Protein backbone atom coordinates (compact mmCIF):
# COMPACT_ATOMS: atom_id res chain seq x y z
CA MET A 1 9.64 -1.78 5.11
CA THR A 2 7.09 0.31 2.96
CA GLY A 3 5.99 -0.09 -1.20
CA SER A 4 4.68 2.05 -3.19
CA ALA A 5 3.03 1.15 -7.07
CA ASP A 6 3.75 5.18 -8.02
CA GLY A 7 6.40 6.57 -5.76
CA LEU A 8 3.83 9.12 -4.44
CA ASN A 9 1.75 6.99 -2.06
CA TRP A 10 3.56 4.90 0.44
CA HIS A 11 2.20 1.76 2.46
CA ARG A 12 3.22 -0.50 5.06
CA PRO A 13 2.59 -4.38 3.90
CA ARG A 14 0.49 -6.10 6.61
CA GLN A 15 2.56 -8.56 7.85
CA ALA A 16 6.10 -7.75 7.63
CA THR A 17 8.76 -9.98 7.62
CA PRO A 18 11.88 -9.79 9.77
CA PHE A 19 15.01 -8.96 7.96
CA LEU A 20 17.08 -11.19 10.63
CA ALA A 21 14.60 -13.85 11.85
CA PRO A 22 15.07 -16.20 14.77
CA GLY A 23 15.84 -19.81 13.93
CA PRO A 24 13.27 -22.62 13.97
CA GLU A 25 12.05 -23.81 17.48
CA GLY A 26 15.57 -25.76 19.38
CA ALA A 27 17.87 -24.16 17.24
CA TRP A 28 20.77 -22.09 18.86
CA ASP A 29 18.96 -18.64 17.85
CA ALA A 30 15.62 -19.45 18.49
CA GLY A 31 14.60 -17.06 21.41
CA HIS A 32 16.19 -14.04 20.15
CA VAL A 33 18.37 -12.46 17.37
CA TRP A 34 20.28 -9.28 18.03
CA ALA A 35 21.88 -7.64 15.04
CA ILE A 36 25.41 -6.51 15.35
CA ARG A 37 25.90 -2.76 14.26
CA ASN A 38 28.88 -3.05 12.33
CA VAL A 39 28.64 -4.96 8.56
CA VAL A 40 31.76 -6.51 6.55
CA VAL A 41 31.58 -5.87 3.03
CA TYR A 42 33.56 -8.36 1.10
CA GLY A 43 33.60 -8.45 -2.88
CA GLU A 44 29.76 -8.64 -3.72
CA TRP A 45 28.64 -9.95 -0.42
CA ILE A 46 27.60 -8.14 3.17
CA TYR A 47 28.02 -10.10 5.83
CA LEU A 48 26.26 -9.54 8.97
CA TYR A 49 27.09 -11.12 12.32
CA TYR A 50 24.72 -11.75 15.02
CA SER A 51 24.23 -12.59 18.39
CA GLY A 52 21.13 -15.23 19.36
CA SER A 53 19.97 -17.50 22.18
CA SER A 54 17.96 -20.34 22.16
CA ARG A 55 15.67 -19.15 24.79
CA PRO A 56 14.09 -16.02 25.58
CA TRP A 57 15.87 -13.36 27.42
CA ARG A 58 14.69 -14.32 30.72
CA TYR A 59 16.21 -17.62 30.69
CA ARG A 60 19.91 -18.04 32.03
CA TYR A 61 22.73 -20.77 31.50
CA PRO A 62 22.36 -23.56 31.39
CA ASP A 63 19.05 -23.43 30.28
CA ASN A 64 19.06 -20.44 27.21
CA MET A 65 22.51 -21.02 25.46
CA ARG A 66 24.03 -17.80 23.32
CA ALA A 67 25.85 -17.84 20.40
CA ILE A 68 27.14 -15.25 17.51
CA GLY A 69 26.15 -16.46 14.25
CA MET A 70 26.50 -14.75 10.50
CA ALA A 71 24.27 -14.28 7.62
CA ARG A 72 24.88 -12.89 4.34
CA ILE A 73 23.32 -11.01 1.41
CA ARG A 74 24.52 -9.99 -1.85
CA ARG A 75 25.03 -6.28 -2.00
CA ASP A 76 22.40 -3.96 -3.24
CA ARG A 77 19.43 -6.73 -2.41
CA PHE A 78 18.11 -5.39 0.61
CA ALA A 79 14.85 -4.76 -1.09
CA GLY A 80 13.26 -5.60 -4.54
CA TYR A 81 10.42 -6.39 -6.61
CA TYR A 82 9.42 -9.93 -7.86
CA GLY A 83 7.48 -10.92 -10.94
CA GLY A 84 5.90 -14.23 -10.52
CA VAL A 85 5.13 -17.35 -12.61
CA ASP A 86 2.72 -14.84 -14.49
CA GLY A 87 4.88 -12.03 -14.75
CA ALA A 88 4.65 -8.84 -13.71
CA HIS A 89 5.29 -5.01 -14.73
CA LEU A 90 7.27 -2.29 -13.24
CA LEU A 91 7.15 1.06 -14.58
CA SER A 92 10.20 3.45 -13.43
CA ARG A 93 10.36 7.13 -12.63
CA GLU A 94 11.36 9.26 -15.40
CA VAL A 95 14.98 8.98 -15.78
CA ILE A 96 17.62 10.65 -17.94
CA VAL A 97 19.86 8.14 -20.02
CA ALA A 98 23.33 9.03 -18.28
CA GLY A 99 25.27 6.74 -20.12
CA PRO A 100 25.38 4.01 -23.14
CA ARG A 101 24.98 1.03 -21.04
CA LEU A 102 22.02 -0.23 -19.00
CA LEU A 103 22.95 -2.53 -15.96
CA VAL A 104 20.18 -4.26 -13.91
CA ASN A 105 20.79 -5.55 -10.50
CA CYS A 106 18.45 -8.80 -10.86
CA SER A 107 18.22 -12.61 -10.02
CA ALA A 108 16.37 -15.23 -11.58
CA GLN A 109 14.78 -17.81 -9.83
CA MET A 110 16.19 -21.24 -10.20
CA ARG A 111 13.90 -24.11 -11.36
CA ASN A 112 12.79 -26.54 -8.39
CA PHE A 113 15.62 -29.76 -8.62
CA SER A 114 17.87 -28.18 -11.49
CA ARG A 115 20.64 -26.04 -12.20
CA VAL A 116 18.71 -24.24 -14.56
CA TRP A 117 17.54 -20.46 -14.25
CA ASP A 118 14.06 -20.04 -15.02
CA GLY A 119 13.02 -16.47 -14.98
CA SER A 120 13.30 -13.77 -17.67
CA LEU A 121 13.69 -10.04 -17.79
CA HIS A 122 12.61 -7.89 -20.43
CA THR A 123 13.01 -4.33 -20.56
CA GLU A 124 11.59 -1.38 -23.04
CA LEU A 125 12.29 2.44 -23.14
CA VAL A 126 9.00 4.50 -23.13
CA GLU A 127 8.18 8.14 -23.62
CA ARG A 128 5.88 10.42 -21.54
CA THR A 129 2.89 9.59 -23.56
CA GLY A 130 3.36 5.63 -22.53
CA ARG A 131 4.52 4.71 -25.96
CA ALA A 132 7.22 2.72 -26.53
CA ILE A 133 10.13 3.96 -28.47
CA GLU A 134 10.72 2.27 -31.56
CA GLY A 135 13.58 0.01 -31.41
CA TYR A 136 13.80 -0.44 -27.83
CA THR A 137 10.70 -2.49 -27.03
CA TYR A 138 10.38 -5.72 -25.20
CA ALA A 139 10.24 -7.50 -28.45
CA GLU A 140 13.37 -6.07 -29.33
CA CYS A 141 14.94 -6.64 -26.12
CA ASP A 142 17.64 -9.53 -25.59
CA ALA A 143 16.05 -11.19 -22.37
CA SER A 144 18.08 -11.55 -19.47
CA HIS A 145 17.86 -14.92 -17.61
CA VAL A 146 20.73 -14.48 -15.19
CA ASP A 147 21.74 -13.67 -11.74
CA ASP A 148 24.08 -10.68 -11.29
CA LEU A 149 24.66 -7.52 -9.79
CA ALA A 150 24.98 -5.64 -13.30
CA VAL A 151 23.62 -7.51 -16.36
CA PRO A 152 23.72 -5.58 -19.47
CA ILE A 153 20.69 -4.62 -21.30
CA THR A 154 20.44 -4.48 -25.02
CA TRP A 155 17.98 -4.38 -27.71
CA GLN A 156 18.80 -6.62 -30.71
CA GLY A 157 22.65 -6.21 -29.76
CA ARG A 158 22.22 -2.38 -29.41
CA ASP A 159 22.66 -0.43 -26.32
CA LEU A 160 21.59 3.15 -25.55
CA SER A 161 24.16 5.53 -27.44
CA ALA A 162 21.30 7.33 -29.50
CA LEU A 163 19.64 8.01 -26.27
CA VAL A 164 21.95 9.83 -23.75
CA GLY A 165 20.78 12.75 -22.25
CA ARG A 166 17.00 11.90 -23.31
CA ARG A 167 14.36 11.69 -20.41
CA LEU A 168 12.38 8.47 -20.58
CA TYR A 169 10.86 5.87 -18.35
CA LEU A 170 12.09 2.33 -18.16
CA ARG A 171 9.09 -0.24 -18.31
CA PHE A 172 10.16 -4.10 -17.00
CA PHE A 173 8.68 -7.10 -17.64
CA LEU A 174 9.64 -9.91 -14.94
CA ARG A 175 8.79 -13.82 -15.25
CA ASN A 176 10.19 -15.81 -12.22
CA MET A 177 12.53 -12.99 -11.75
CA TYR A 178 13.78 -10.16 -9.17
CA LEU A 179 14.83 -6.67 -9.63
CA PHE A 180 16.70 -4.72 -7.26
CA GLY A 181 18.01 -2.04 -9.45
CA PHE A 182 19.38 -0.23 -12.31
CA ARG A 183 21.82 2.18 -13.48
CA PHE A 184 23.56 3.58 -16.20
CA ALA A 185 26.88 3.29 -17.06
CA GLU A 186 29.74 4.07 -19.46
CA SER A 187 31.13 0.74 -19.85
CA VAL A 188 30.06 -2.78 -18.72
C-alpha cells in the first residue's frame, strides 16, 4: 500500500499491515492464510473466502489443521483516510462538479461501550487560490455523523446545483472519522 499527501509524491508506510492477517496463536488460521482469488459481492458487502492452517506450511496433519474462512468488508472501503480525536484536514485534487449532489463514503467511529457515533465530517468547497467559496464553508456545512456508502453533504440545506460544471477543490475536516471516497450524483 502507498500513500501521498499531494498526489504527486508517493511513499510506502514503514510498517505494512496485511490486509488479511493470520489469526492469534492457537487459532485455526494462526500459521498461514491464503486468499482465494474470487470474491463475492452481495449488496454493500464484499465477501472474501480464504484458507488457513494452524501451523506453518511445513507441518502435516494431524499436527496442522486446515480450514476455510470468510472475511467481509464494505464495498469501496479498501483504503481510506482517518482523522483522529484532534481532527485532520484532507484536500482533494481539482475536480469538476459533475452533479448537484455530493455523496461521501465515510464511517464515523463508534464511542467505546455505547451505541453513539462519535465522529464528524465537515466539507467546504475551495477555489484554486485556497479561499473557501462563500455559502460552502465548514461553518455552513451540515455535519455528517453517520456510517454509510453514500452520505449526502449539504450546506444549510443547499446542494451543488449552482456550481455544476465549475472546477474546484473539496476540503474535508474529519474528527474520529474515516473517509473512503466521494462522488457527484444527480440524486441521492
